[in-house]
N, C-alpha and C. Protein backbone atom coordinates (compact mmCIF):
# COMPACT_ATOMS: atom_id res chain seq x y z
N MET A 1 -264.48 -57.52 42.70
CA MET A 1 -263.66 -55.99 42.85
C MET A 1 -262.62 -55.10 41.92
N LEU A 2 -262.80 -55.05 40.72
CA LEU A 2 -261.70 -54.74 40.24
C LEU A 2 -260.78 -55.31 39.69
N LYS A 3 -260.87 -56.64 39.95
CA LYS A 3 -260.08 -58.34 39.74
C LYS A 3 -260.08 -58.42 38.54
N GLY A 4 -259.63 -58.82 37.73
CA GLY A 4 -259.18 -59.73 36.71
C GLY A 4 -257.96 -59.30 35.84
N ARG A 5 -257.24 -59.80 34.83
CA ARG A 5 -256.65 -59.40 34.19
C ARG A 5 -256.63 -58.10 33.33
N VAL A 6 -257.77 -58.44 32.65
CA VAL A 6 -258.62 -57.21 31.59
C VAL A 6 -258.66 -55.75 32.38
N LYS A 7 -259.13 -55.68 33.28
CA LYS A 7 -259.75 -54.84 34.45
C LYS A 7 -258.43 -54.24 34.97
N THR A 8 -257.62 -54.71 35.35
CA THR A 8 -256.37 -54.15 35.53
C THR A 8 -255.72 -53.38 34.68
N GLU A 9 -255.51 -54.43 33.71
CA GLU A 9 -254.20 -53.48 32.40
C GLU A 9 -255.48 -52.60 31.72
N LEU A 10 -256.38 -52.74 31.89
CA LEU A 10 -257.58 -51.52 31.74
C LEU A 10 -257.04 -50.04 32.38
N LEU A 11 -257.35 -50.15 33.22
CA LEU A 11 -256.92 -49.66 34.57
C LEU A 11 -255.40 -48.80 34.65
N ALA A 12 -254.77 -49.56 34.71
CA ALA A 12 -253.25 -48.92 34.27
C ALA A 12 -253.04 -48.45 32.77
N ILE A 13 -253.36 -48.76 31.83
CA ILE A 13 -253.57 -48.24 30.87
C ILE A 13 -253.88 -46.48 30.96
N LEU A 14 -255.21 -46.58 31.44
CA LEU A 14 -256.08 -45.33 31.58
C LEU A 14 -255.46 -44.89 32.57
N PHE A 15 -254.79 -44.77 33.31
CA PHE A 15 -253.64 -44.23 34.37
C PHE A 15 -252.48 -43.83 34.14
N THR A 16 -251.99 -44.10 33.39
CA THR A 16 -250.54 -43.54 32.40
C THR A 16 -251.13 -42.76 31.19
N ALA A 17 -251.86 -43.00 30.23
CA ALA A 17 -252.37 -42.44 29.55
C ALA A 17 -252.31 -40.53 29.72
N ARG A 18 -251.38 -40.41 28.27
CA ARG A 18 -251.58 -38.49 28.28
C ARG A 18 -253.14 -37.83 27.54
N GLU A 19 -253.66 -39.02 26.98
CA GLU A 19 -254.75 -39.17 25.87
C GLU A 19 -255.75 -39.69 26.13
N PRO A 20 -256.73 -39.26 25.61
CA PRO A 20 -257.86 -40.30 26.05
C PRO A 20 -257.57 -41.68 24.51
N VAL A 21 -257.95 -42.53 25.36
CA VAL A 21 -257.74 -43.70 24.43
C VAL A 21 -258.78 -44.58 24.10
N THR A 22 -258.80 -44.56 22.76
CA THR A 22 -259.19 -45.59 21.73
C THR A 22 -259.94 -46.74 22.07
N LEU A 23 -260.92 -47.33 21.41
CA LEU A 23 -261.43 -48.87 21.73
C LEU A 23 -260.06 -49.44 20.59
N VAL A 24 -259.63 -48.68 19.16
CA VAL A 24 -258.81 -49.05 18.68
C VAL A 24 -257.37 -49.60 18.74
N GLU A 25 -256.90 -48.14 19.71
CA GLU A 25 -255.98 -48.37 20.60
C GLU A 25 -255.47 -49.52 21.74
N PHE A 26 -256.77 -49.91 22.04
CA PHE A 26 -257.16 -50.87 22.93
C PHE A 26 -257.15 -52.11 22.34
N SER A 27 -257.90 -52.20 21.75
CA SER A 27 -257.10 -53.41 20.32
C SER A 27 -256.28 -54.42 19.97
N GLU A 28 -255.35 -52.96 19.86
CA GLU A 28 -253.94 -53.31 19.70
C GLU A 28 -253.23 -54.15 20.66
N VAL A 29 -253.74 -53.33 21.90
CA VAL A 29 -252.82 -54.44 23.10
C VAL A 29 -253.74 -55.68 23.48
N PHE A 30 -254.80 -55.80 23.64
CA PHE A 30 -255.68 -56.98 23.60
C PHE A 30 -256.47 -57.37 22.40
N SER A 31 -255.29 -58.07 21.61
CA SER A 31 -255.35 -58.33 20.32
C SER A 31 -256.37 -59.90 20.64
N ASP A 32 -256.37 -60.44 21.54
CA ASP A 32 -257.29 -61.66 22.07
C ASP A 32 -258.56 -61.32 22.20
N LEU A 33 -259.08 -59.94 22.57
CA LEU A 33 -260.18 -59.80 22.76
C LEU A 33 -261.22 -59.11 21.12
N SER A 34 -262.33 -58.96 21.20
CA SER A 34 -262.98 -58.23 20.20
C SER A 34 -263.27 -56.72 20.82
N SER A 35 -263.58 -55.95 19.65
CA SER A 35 -263.79 -54.56 20.14
C SER A 35 -264.78 -54.54 21.30
N GLU A 36 -265.93 -55.68 21.16
CA GLU A 36 -267.04 -55.55 21.78
C GLU A 36 -266.94 -56.15 22.92
N GLU A 37 -266.04 -57.33 23.26
CA GLU A 37 -265.31 -57.85 24.46
C GLU A 37 -264.58 -56.29 25.19
N ILE A 38 -264.10 -55.66 24.78
CA ILE A 38 -263.22 -54.54 25.30
C ILE A 38 -264.62 -53.57 25.89
N ALA A 39 -265.50 -53.45 24.81
CA ALA A 39 -266.09 -52.10 25.04
C ALA A 39 -267.17 -52.60 26.50
N LYS A 40 -267.35 -53.73 26.39
CA LYS A 40 -268.30 -54.37 27.64
C LYS A 40 -267.37 -54.14 28.76
N ALA A 41 -265.97 -54.59 28.59
CA ALA A 41 -265.06 -54.78 29.97
C ALA A 41 -265.02 -52.85 30.36
N LEU A 42 -265.01 -51.93 29.39
CA LEU A 42 -264.95 -50.32 29.88
C LEU A 42 -265.85 -50.30 30.39
N ALA A 43 -267.21 -50.54 30.21
CA ALA A 43 -268.20 -50.24 30.55
C ALA A 43 -268.53 -50.73 32.03
N ALA A 44 -268.28 -52.06 31.92
CA ALA A 44 -267.97 -52.86 33.52
C ALA A 44 -267.06 -51.90 34.44
N LEU A 45 -266.11 -51.93 33.89
CA LEU A 45 -264.57 -51.55 35.07
C LEU A 45 -265.53 -49.75 35.38
N SER A 46 -265.75 -49.07 34.23
CA SER A 46 -266.52 -47.39 34.70
C SER A 46 -267.23 -47.49 35.83
N ILE A 47 -268.22 -48.22 35.50
CA ILE A 47 -269.27 -48.62 36.86
C ILE A 47 -268.54 -48.69 38.02
N GLU A 48 -268.01 -49.91 38.13
CA GLU A 48 -267.69 -50.26 39.24
C GLU A 48 -266.21 -49.23 40.23
N PHE A 49 -265.46 -48.55 39.11
CA PHE A 49 -264.04 -47.79 39.04
C PHE A 49 -265.04 -46.52 39.89
N ASN A 50 -266.15 -45.72 39.15
CA ASN A 50 -266.71 -44.41 39.65
C ASN A 50 -267.37 -44.88 40.50
N SER A 51 -268.21 -46.04 40.93
CA SER A 51 -268.67 -45.77 42.71
C SER A 51 -267.92 -46.41 43.10
N LEU A 52 -266.54 -46.23 43.07
CA LEU A 52 -265.80 -46.84 44.35
C LEU A 52 -265.32 -45.63 45.32
N GLN A 53 -265.11 -44.33 44.34
CA GLN A 53 -264.74 -42.88 45.49
C GLN A 53 -265.00 -41.98 44.68
N GLU A 54 -264.81 -40.83 44.93
CA GLU A 54 -265.53 -39.77 44.48
C GLU A 54 -264.90 -38.42 43.71
N ALA A 55 -263.40 -38.65 43.42
CA ALA A 55 -262.59 -37.35 43.55
C ALA A 55 -261.98 -37.80 42.02
N VAL A 56 -261.88 -39.00 41.31
CA VAL A 56 -261.86 -39.28 39.64
C VAL A 56 -262.70 -40.04 38.84
N GLU A 57 -262.69 -39.98 37.88
CA GLU A 57 -264.02 -41.01 37.41
C GLU A 57 -263.54 -41.55 35.61
N ILE A 58 -263.51 -42.50 35.27
CA ILE A 58 -263.33 -43.25 33.46
C ILE A 58 -264.24 -42.17 33.53
N ARG A 59 -264.35 -41.80 32.00
CA ARG A 59 -265.22 -40.65 31.30
C ARG A 59 -264.55 -41.37 29.79
N ASN A 60 -265.85 -40.76 28.63
CA ASN A 60 -265.61 -41.15 27.18
C ASN A 60 -265.85 -39.76 26.69
N VAL A 61 -264.30 -39.79 26.35
CA VAL A 61 -264.10 -38.22 25.88
C VAL A 61 -263.48 -37.93 24.60
N ALA A 62 -263.77 -37.32 23.61
CA ALA A 62 -262.78 -36.95 22.68
C ALA A 62 -262.41 -38.16 21.62
N GLY A 63 -263.91 -39.28 22.00
CA GLY A 63 -263.32 -40.15 21.03
C GLY A 63 -262.32 -41.50 21.90
N GLY A 64 -262.46 -41.19 23.08
CA GLY A 64 -261.78 -42.17 23.84
C GLY A 64 -262.04 -42.05 24.90
N TYR A 65 -261.32 -42.85 26.01
CA TYR A 65 -261.21 -43.05 27.17
C TYR A 65 -260.16 -42.65 28.05
N ARG A 66 -260.82 -42.17 29.22
CA ARG A 66 -259.54 -41.07 29.96
C ARG A 66 -260.12 -41.25 31.66
N LEU A 67 -258.93 -40.80 32.62
CA LEU A 67 -258.95 -40.68 33.63
C LEU A 67 -259.21 -39.52 33.79
N THR A 68 -260.48 -39.12 34.87
CA THR A 68 -260.26 -37.25 34.75
C THR A 68 -260.69 -36.98 36.39
N THR A 69 -260.78 -35.93 36.62
CA THR A 69 -261.20 -35.59 38.19
C THR A 69 -262.46 -35.21 37.76
N ARG A 70 -263.44 -35.24 38.77
CA ARG A 70 -264.51 -35.26 38.61
C ARG A 70 -265.07 -33.80 38.44
N PRO A 71 -265.45 -33.47 38.25
CA PRO A 71 -266.13 -31.95 37.84
C PRO A 71 -266.63 -30.96 39.18
N GLU A 72 -267.30 -31.69 39.96
CA GLU A 72 -267.85 -31.49 40.93
C GLU A 72 -266.40 -31.35 42.38
N ILE A 73 -265.14 -31.77 41.84
CA ILE A 73 -264.12 -31.68 42.65
C ILE A 73 -263.41 -30.15 42.11
N MET A 74 -263.42 -29.98 41.34
CA MET A 74 -262.39 -28.50 40.64
C MET A 74 -263.85 -27.21 41.20
N LYS A 75 -264.72 -27.25 41.71
CA LYS A 75 -265.09 -26.29 41.99
C LYS A 75 -264.30 -25.42 43.92
């Protein structure tokens, strides 16, 4: 459950980012991983994180990933 260096660092980056973070930008941080490995880690993180709570979610928007408030919360 949300353990491991890559998941932890991905989540920290998403939490602090002001704009969507692209795979290219993640690749600059995780130079030891391929873009495919990063994409798989993001997909796994998104599924796990999004299932743990109902207020925010990891979404792919504007060509990158970001933490957002769930639309249903804003109603």
